[in-house]
PDB file of all heavy atoms in Angstrom:
ATOM      1  N   GLY A   1      95.950 103.926  56.778  1.00  0.00           N
ATOM      2  CA  GLY A   1      97.265 103.477  57.218  1.00  0.00           C
ATOM      3  C   GLY A   1      98.042 104.700  57.622  1.00  0.00           C
ATOM      4  O   GLY A   1      97.607 105.478  58.463  1.00  0.00           O
ATOM      5  N   ARG A   2      99.140 104.923  56.936  1.00  0.00           N
ATOM      6  CA  ARG A   2      99.955 106.100  57.238  1.00  0.00           C
ATOM      7  C   ARG A   2      99.263 107.391  56.839  1.00  0.00           C
ATOM      8  O   ARG A   2      99.582 108.450  57.350  1.00  0.00           O
ATOM      9  CB  ARG A   2     101.295 105.999  56.531  1.00  0.00           C
ATOM     10  CG  ARG A   2     102.160 104.916  57.114  1.00  0.00           C
ATOM     11  CD  ARG A   2     103.514 104.886  56.474  1.00  0.00           C
ATOM     12  NE  ARG A   2     104.312 103.835  57.076  1.00  0.00           N
ATOM     13  CZ  ARG A   2     105.423 103.395  56.550  1.00  0.00           C
ATOM     14  NH1 ARG A   2     105.874 103.890  55.422  1.00  0.00           N
ATOM     15  NH2 ARG A   2     106.101 102.446  57.142  1.00  0.00           N
ATOM     16  N   GLN A   3      98.302 107.307  55.921  1.00  0.00           N
ATOM     17  CA  GLN A   3      97.574 108.508  55.493  1.00  0.00           C
ATOM     18  C   GLN A   3      96.817 109.137  56.641  1.00  0.00           C
ATOM     19  O   GLN A   3      96.660 110.330  56.721  1.00  0.00           O
ATOM     20  CB  GLN A   3      96.565 108.154  54.394  1.00  0.00           C
ATOM     21  CG  GLN A   3      97.166 107.992  53.029  1.00  0.00           C
ATOM     22  CD  GLN A   3      96.091 107.596  52.048  1.00  0.00           C
ATOM     23  OE1 GLN A   3      95.602 106.478  52.089  1.00  0.00           O
ATOM     24  NE2 GLN A   3      95.724 108.505  51.186  1.00  0.00           N
ATOM     25  N   LYS A   4      96.265 108.315  57.500  1.00  0.00           N
ATOM     26  CA  LYS A   4      95.474 108.753  58.648  1.00  0.00           C
ATOM     27  C   LYS A   4      94.321 109.681  58.261  1.00  0.00           C
ATOM     28  O   LYS A   4      93.957 110.583  58.983  1.00  0.00           O
ATOM     29  CB  LYS A   4      96.363 109.433  59.676  1.00  0.00           C
ATOM     30  CG  LYS A   4      97.498 108.571  60.168  1.00  0.00           C
ATOM     31  CD  LYS A   4      97.657 108.665  61.622  1.00  0.00           C
ATOM     32  CE  LYS A   4      98.772 107.882  62.228  1.00  0.00           C
ATOM     33  NZ  LYS A   4      99.599 107.039  61.466  1.00  0.00           N
ATOM     34  N   GLY A   5      93.728 109.452  57.099  1.00  0.00           N
ATOM     35  CA  GLY A   5      92.591 110.247  56.680  1.00  0.00           C
ATOM     36  C   GLY A   5      92.994 111.636  56.219  1.00  0.00           C
ATOM     37  O   GLY A   5      94.158 111.938  56.045  1.00  0.00           O
ATOM     38  N   HIS A   6      91.995 112.478  56.024  1.00  0.00           N
ATOM     39  CA  HIS A   6      92.247 113.848  55.607  1.00  0.00           C
ATOM     40  C   HIS A   6      91.027 114.695  55.939  1.00  0.00           C
ATOM     41  O   HIS A   6      89.991 114.187  56.332  1.00  0.00           O
ATOM     42  CB  HIS A   6      92.554 113.909  54.106  1.00  0.00           C
ATOM     43  CG  HIS A   6      91.423 113.466  53.239  1.00  0.00           C
ATOM     44  ND1 HIS A   6      91.165 112.145  52.969  1.00  0.00           N
ATOM     45  CD2 HIS A   6      90.472 114.175  52.591  1.00  0.00           C
ATOM     46  CE1 HIS A   6      90.092 112.058  52.184  1.00  0.00           C
ATOM     47  NE2 HIS A   6      89.657 113.259  51.941  1.00  0.00           N
ATOM     48  N   THR A   7      91.153 116.011  55.814  1.00  0.00           N
ATOM     49  CA  THR A   7      90.023 116.902  56.078  1.00  0.00           C
ATOM     50  C   THR A   7      89.421 117.352  54.751  1.00  0.00           C
ATOM     51  O   THR A   7      90.113 117.489  53.748  1.00  0.00           O
ATOM     52  CB  THR A   7      90.452 118.139  56.888  1.00  0.00           C
ATOM     53  OG1 THR A   7      91.457 118.828  56.159  1.00  0.00           O
ATOM     54  CG2 THR A   7      90.987 117.745  58.241  1.00  0.00           C
ATOM     55  N   GLU A   8      88.114 117.541  54.759  1.00  0.00           N
ATOM     56  CA  GLU A   8      87.400 118.026  53.579  1.00  0.00           C
ATOM     57  C   GLU A   8      86.499 119.184  53.986  1.00  0.00           C
ATOM     58  O   GLU A   8      86.147 119.341  55.150  1.00  0.00           O
ATOM     59  CB  GLU A   8      86.567 116.905  52.957  1.00  0.00           C
ATOM     60  CG  GLU A   8      87.396 115.852  52.258  1.00  0.00           C
ATOM     61  CD  GLU A   8      86.561 114.869  51.472  1.00  0.00           C
ATOM     62  OE1 GLU A   8      85.332 115.052  51.367  1.00  0.00           O
ATOM     63  OE2 GLU A   8      87.151 113.914  50.952  1.00  0.00           O
ATOM     64  N   LEU A   9      86.135 119.979  53.012  1.00  0.00           N
ATOM     65  CA  LEU A   9      85.255 121.110  53.231  1.00  0.00           C
ATOM     66  C   LEU A   9      83.928 120.832  52.552  1.00  0.00           C
ATOM     67  O   LEU A   9      83.888 120.490  51.370  1.00  0.00           O
ATOM     68  CB  LEU A   9      85.902 122.372  52.624  1.00  0.00           C
ATOM     69  CG  LEU A   9      85.451 123.707  53.172  1.00  0.00           C
ATOM     70  CD1 LEU A   9      85.754 123.806  54.655  1.00  0.00           C
ATOM     71  CD2 LEU A   9      86.159 124.821  52.419  1.00  0.00           C
ATOM     72  N   TYR A  10      82.819 120.915  53.302  1.00  0.00           N
ATOM     73  CA  TYR A  10      81.498 120.688  52.735  1.00  0.00           C
ATOM     74  C   TYR A  10      80.570 121.803  53.205  1.00  0.00           C
ATOM     75  O   TYR A  10      80.340 121.963  54.401  1.00  0.00           O
ATOM     76  CB  TYR A  10      80.956 119.324  53.158  1.00  0.00           C
ATOM     77  CG  TYR A  10      79.574 119.037  52.623  1.00  0.00           C
ATOM     78  CD1 TYR A  10      79.383 118.757  51.271  1.00  0.00           C
ATOM     79  CD2 TYR A  10      78.469 119.062  53.458  1.00  0.00           C
ATOM     80  CE1 TYR A  10      78.127 118.498  50.774  1.00  0.00           C
ATOM     81  CE2 TYR A  10      77.198 118.803  52.966  1.00  0.00           C
ATOM     82  CZ  TYR A  10      77.039 118.525  51.623  1.00  0.00           C
ATOM     83  OH  TYR A  10      75.777 118.264  51.115  1.00  0.00           O
ATOM     84  N   ARG A  11      80.087 122.596  52.277  1.00  0.00           N
ATOM     85  CA  ARG A  11      79.195 123.721  52.594  1.00  0.00           C
ATOM     86  C   ARG A  11      79.772 124.618  53.679  1.00  0.00           C
ATOM     87  O   ARG A  11      79.086 125.021  54.619  1.00  0.00           O
ATOM     88  CB  ARG A  11      77.806 123.224  52.980  1.00  0.00           C
ATOM     89  CG  ARG A  11      77.093 122.559  51.840  1.00  0.00           C
ATOM     90  CD  ARG A  11      75.657 122.290  52.154  1.00  0.00           C
ATOM     91  NE  ARG A  11      75.006 121.721  50.994  1.00  0.00           N
ATOM     92  CZ  ARG A  11      73.742 121.394  50.945  1.00  0.00           C
ATOM     93  NH1 ARG A  11      72.968 121.581  52.001  1.00  0.00           N
ATOM     94  NH2 ARG A  11      73.210 120.888  49.860  1.00  0.00           N
ATOM     95  N   GLY A  12      81.051 124.873  53.583  1.00  0.00           N
ATOM     96  CA  GLY A  12      81.697 125.793  54.514  1.00  0.00           C
ATOM     97  C   GLY A  12      82.144 125.172  55.812  1.00  0.00           C
ATOM     98  O   GLY A  12      82.821 125.816  56.600  1.00  0.00           O
ATOM     99  N   ALA A  13      81.772 123.920  56.051  1.00  0.00           N
ATOM    100  CA  ALA A  13      82.172 123.272  57.296  1.00  0.00           C
ATOM    101  C   ALA A  13      83.282 122.264  57.008  1.00  0.00           C
ATOM    102  O   ALA A  13      83.202 121.498  56.063  1.00  0.00           O
ATOM    103  CB  ALA A  13      80.977 122.563  57.934  1.00  0.00           C
ATOM    104  N   GLU A  14      84.290 122.294  57.832  1.00  0.00           N
ATOM    105  CA  GLU A  14      85.403 121.365  57.660  1.00  0.00           C
ATOM    106  C   GLU A  14      85.141 120.124  58.506  1.00  0.00           C
ATOM    107  O   GLU A  14      84.698 120.211  59.643  1.00  0.00           O
ATOM    108  CB  GLU A  14      86.697 122.041  58.116  1.00  0.00           C
ATOM    109  CG  GLU A  14      87.942 121.258  57.749  1.00  0.00           C
ATOM    110  CD  GLU A  14      89.204 122.017  58.087  1.00  0.00           C
ATOM    111  OE1 GLU A  14      89.596 122.900  57.306  1.00  0.00           O
ATOM    112  OE2 GLU A  14      89.779 121.712  59.148  1.00  0.00           O
ATOM    113  N   TYR A  15      85.380 118.966  57.926  1.00  0.00           N
ATOM    114  CA  TYR A  15      85.230 117.734  58.698  1.00  0.00           C
ATOM    115  C   TYR A  15      86.335 116.761  58.316  1.00  0.00           C
ATOM    116  O   TYR A  15      86.940 116.848  57.264  1.00  0.00           O
ATOM    117  CB  TYR A  15      83.847 117.115  58.494  1.00  0.00           C
ATOM    118  CG  TYR A  15      83.565 116.644  57.095  1.00  0.00           C
ATOM    119  CD1 TYR A  15      83.687 115.304  56.760  1.00  0.00           C
ATOM    120  CD2 TYR A  15      83.173 117.533  56.095  1.00  0.00           C
ATOM    121  CE1 TYR A  15      83.432 114.869  55.465  1.00  0.00           C
ATOM    122  CE2 TYR A  15      82.916 117.111  54.808  1.00  0.00           C
ATOM    123  CZ  TYR A  15      83.043 115.762  54.508  1.00  0.00           C
ATOM    124  OH  TYR A  15      82.789 115.344  53.227  1.00  0.00           O
ATOM    125  N   VAL A  16      86.599 115.817  59.217  1.00  0.00           N
ATOM    126  CA  VAL A  16      87.694 114.863  59.040  1.00  0.00           C
ATOM    127  C   VAL A  16      87.143 113.568  58.457  1.00  0.00           C
ATOM    128  O   VAL A  16      86.145 113.031  58.945  1.00  0.00           O
ATOM    129  CB  VAL A  16      88.391 114.580  60.390  1.00  0.00           C
ATOM    130  CG1 VAL A  16      89.473 113.522  60.233  1.00  0.00           C
ATOM    131  CG2 VAL A  16      88.974 115.857  60.953  1.00  0.00           C
ATOM    132  N   VAL A  17      87.782 113.091  57.414  1.00  0.00           N
ATOM    133  CA  VAL A  17      87.450 111.793  56.845  1.00  0.00           C
ATOM    134  C   VAL A  17      88.507 110.823  57.367  1.00  0.00           C
ATOM    135  O   VAL A  17      89.653 110.831  56.906  1.00  0.00           O
ATOM    136  CB  VAL A  17      87.475 111.833  55.302  1.00  0.00           C
ATOM    137  CG1 VAL A  17      87.175 110.466  54.727  1.00  0.00           C
ATOM    138  CG2 VAL A  17      86.498 112.874  54.785  1.00  0.00           C
ATOM    139  N   ASP A  18      88.132 110.025  58.383  1.00  0.00           N
ATOM    140  CA  ASP A  18      89.088 109.111  59.016  1.00  0.00           C
ATOM    141  C   ASP A  18      89.378 107.897  58.139  1.00  0.00           C
ATOM    142  O   ASP A  18      90.504 107.445  58.049  1.00  0.00           O
ATOM    143  CB  ASP A  18      88.558 108.624  60.365  1.00  0.00           C
ATOM    144  CG  ASP A  18      88.559 109.731  61.405  1.00  0.00           C
ATOM    145  OD1 ASP A  18      89.449 110.586  61.337  1.00  0.00           O
ATOM    146  OD2 ASP A  18      87.675 109.731  62.269  1.00  0.00           O
ATOM    147  N   PHE A  19      88.339 107.341  57.533  1.00  0.00           N
ATOM    148  CA  PHE A  19      88.494 106.129  56.746  1.00  0.00           C
ATOM    149  C   PHE A  19      88.371 106.471  55.269  1.00  0.00           C
ATOM    150  O   PHE A  19      87.379 107.042  54.835  1.00  0.00           O
ATOM    151  CB  PHE A  19      87.439 105.099  57.146  1.00  0.00           C
ATOM    152  CG  PHE A  19      87.618 104.611  58.554  1.00  0.00           C
ATOM    153  CD1 PHE A  19      86.870 105.142  59.582  1.00  0.00           C
ATOM    154  CD2 PHE A  19      88.549 103.626  58.848  1.00  0.00           C
ATOM    155  CE1 PHE A  19      87.037 104.703  60.887  1.00  0.00           C
ATOM    156  CE2 PHE A  19      88.733 103.183  60.144  1.00  0.00           C
ATOM    157  CZ  PHE A  19      87.975 103.718  61.164  1.00  0.00           C
ATOM    158  N   LEU A  20      89.386 106.090  54.512  1.00  0.00           N
ATOM    159  CA  LEU A  20      89.413 106.395  53.095  1.00  0.00           C
ATOM    160  C   LEU A  20      88.880 105.210  52.291  1.00  0.00           C
ATOM    161  O   LEU A  20      89.111 104.057  52.655  1.00  0.00           O
ATOM    162  CB  LEU A  20      90.842 106.713  52.659  1.00  0.00           C
ATOM    163  CG  LEU A  20      91.465 107.891  53.410  1.00  0.00           C
ATOM    164  CD1 LEU A  20      92.949 107.980  53.100  1.00  0.00           C
ATOM    165  CD2 LEU A  20      90.773 109.184  53.028  1.00  0.00           C
ATOM    166  N   PRO A  21      88.171 105.471  51.199  1.00  0.00           N
ATOM    167  CA  PRO A  21      87.635 104.372  50.399  1.00  0.00           C
ATOM    168  C   PRO A  21      88.757 103.615  49.697  1.00  0.00           C
ATOM    169  O   PRO A  21      89.671 104.218  49.130  1.00  0.00           O
ATOM    170  CB  PRO A  21      86.718 105.076  49.392  1.00  0.00           C
ATOM    171  CG  PRO A  21      87.187 106.486  49.345  1.00  0.00           C
ATOM    172  CD  PRO A  21      87.799 106.783  50.679  1.00  0.00           C
ATOM    173  N   LYS A  22      88.678 102.293  49.763  1.00  0.00           N
ATOM    174  CA  LYS A  22      89.635 101.402  49.103  1.00  0.00           C
ATOM    175  C   LYS A  22      88.845 100.248  48.491  1.00  0.00           C
ATOM    176  O   LYS A  22      87.657 100.106  48.719  1.00  0.00           O
ATOM    177  CB  LYS A  22      90.656 100.836  50.104  1.00  0.00           C
ATOM    178  CG  LYS A  22      91.467 101.871  50.852  1.00  0.00           C
ATOM    179  CD  LYS A  22      92.523 102.503  49.988  1.00  0.00           C
ATOM    180  CE  LYS A  22      93.351 103.481  50.811  1.00  0.00           C
ATOM    181  NZ  LYS A  22      94.351 104.150  50.022  1.00  0.00           N
ATOM    182  N   VAL A  23      89.544  99.429  47.733  1.00  0.00           N
ATOM    183  CA  VAL A  23      88.950  98.231  47.158  1.00  0.00           C
ATOM    184  C   VAL A  23      89.840  97.061  47.547  1.00  0.00           C
ATOM    185  O   VAL A  23      91.062  97.134  47.432  1.00  0.00           O
ATOM    186  CB  VAL A  23      88.858  98.327  45.619  1.00  0.00           C
ATOM    187  CG1 VAL A  23      88.374  97.029  45.026  1.00  0.00           C
ATOM    188  CG2 VAL A  23      87.941  99.463  45.212  1.00  0.00           C
ATOM    189  N   LYS A  24      89.220  95.982  48.045  1.00  0.00           N
ATOM    190  CA  LYS A  24      89.994  94.781  48.371  1.00  0.00           C
ATOM    191  C   LYS A  24      89.751  93.743  47.283  1.00  0.00           C
ATOM    192  O   LYS A  24      88.607  93.364  47.013  1.00  0.00           O
ATOM    193  CB  LYS A  24      89.599  94.220  49.731  1.00  0.00           C
ATOM    194  CG  LYS A  24      90.404  92.970  50.100  1.00  0.00           C
ATOM    195  CD  LYS A  24      90.306  92.618  51.568  1.00  0.00           C
ATOM    196  CE  LYS A  24      88.977  92.055  51.925  1.00  0.00           C
ATOM    197  NZ  LYS A  24      88.945  91.468  53.276  1.00  0.00           N
ATOM    198  N   VAL A  25      90.833  93.308  46.653  1.00  0.00           N
ATOM    199  CA  VAL A  25      90.777  92.283  45.611  1.00  0.00           C
ATOM    200  C   VAL A  25      91.324  90.999  46.225  1.00  0.00           C
ATOM    201  O   VAL A  25      92.427  90.986  46.772  1.00  0.00           O
ATOM    202  CB  VAL A  25      91.637  92.693  44.394  1.00  0.00           C
ATOM    203  CG1 VAL A  25      91.624  91.598  43.342  1.00  0.00           C
ATOM    204  CG2 VAL A  25      91.154  94.013  43.821  1.00  0.00           C
ATOM    205  N   GLU A  26      90.534  89.918  46.152  1.00  0.00           N
ATOM    206  CA  GLU A  26      90.960  88.639  46.685  1.00  0.00           C
ATOM    207  C   GLU A  26      91.037  87.628  45.557  1.00  0.00           C
ATOM    208  O   GLU A  26      90.116  87.521  44.748  1.00  0.00           O
ATOM    209  CB  GLU A  26      89.974  88.132  47.740  1.00  0.00           C
ATOM    210  CG  GLU A  26      89.854  89.045  48.944  1.00  0.00           C
ATOM    211  CD  GLU A  26      88.752  88.603  49.884  1.00  0.00           C
ATOM    212  OE1 GLU A  26      89.024  87.755  50.751  1.00  0.00           O
ATOM    213  OE2 GLU A  26      87.618  89.083  49.714  1.00  0.00           O
ATOM    214  N   VAL A  27      92.135  86.873  45.523  1.00  0.00           N
ATOM    215  CA  VAL A  27      92.322  85.875  44.485  1.00  0.00           C
ATOM    216  C   VAL A  27      93.099  84.701  45.077  1.00  0.00           C
ATOM    217  O   VAL A  27      93.989  84.899  45.901  1.00  0.00           O
ATOM    218  CB  VAL A  27      93.034  86.483  43.253  1.00  0.00           C
ATOM    219  CG1 VAL A  27      94.392  87.005  43.602  1.00  0.00           C
ATOM    220  CG2 VAL A  27      93.112  85.515  42.115  1.00  0.00           C
ATOM    221  N   VAL A  28      92.723  83.488  44.684  1.00  0.00           N
ATOM    222  CA  VAL A  28      93.445  82.291  45.103  1.00  0.00           C
ATOM    223  C   VAL A  28      94.162  81.745  43.881  1.00  0.00           C
ATOM    224  O   VAL A  28      93.553  81.546  42.832  1.00  0.00           O
ATOM    225  CB  VAL A  28      92.490  81.234  45.705  1.00  0.00           C
ATOM    226  CG1 VAL A  28      93.247  79.955  46.035  1.00  0.00           C
ATOM    227  CG2 VAL A  28      91.808  81.786  46.944  1.00  0.00           C
TER     228      VAL A  28
END
């Protein structure tokens, strides 16, 4: 959403994480 992902460092290389892990809870 407004976070728009973030950058991470892995083995010296920087990469962008566009989609962040979330959990969707559905209840009726």
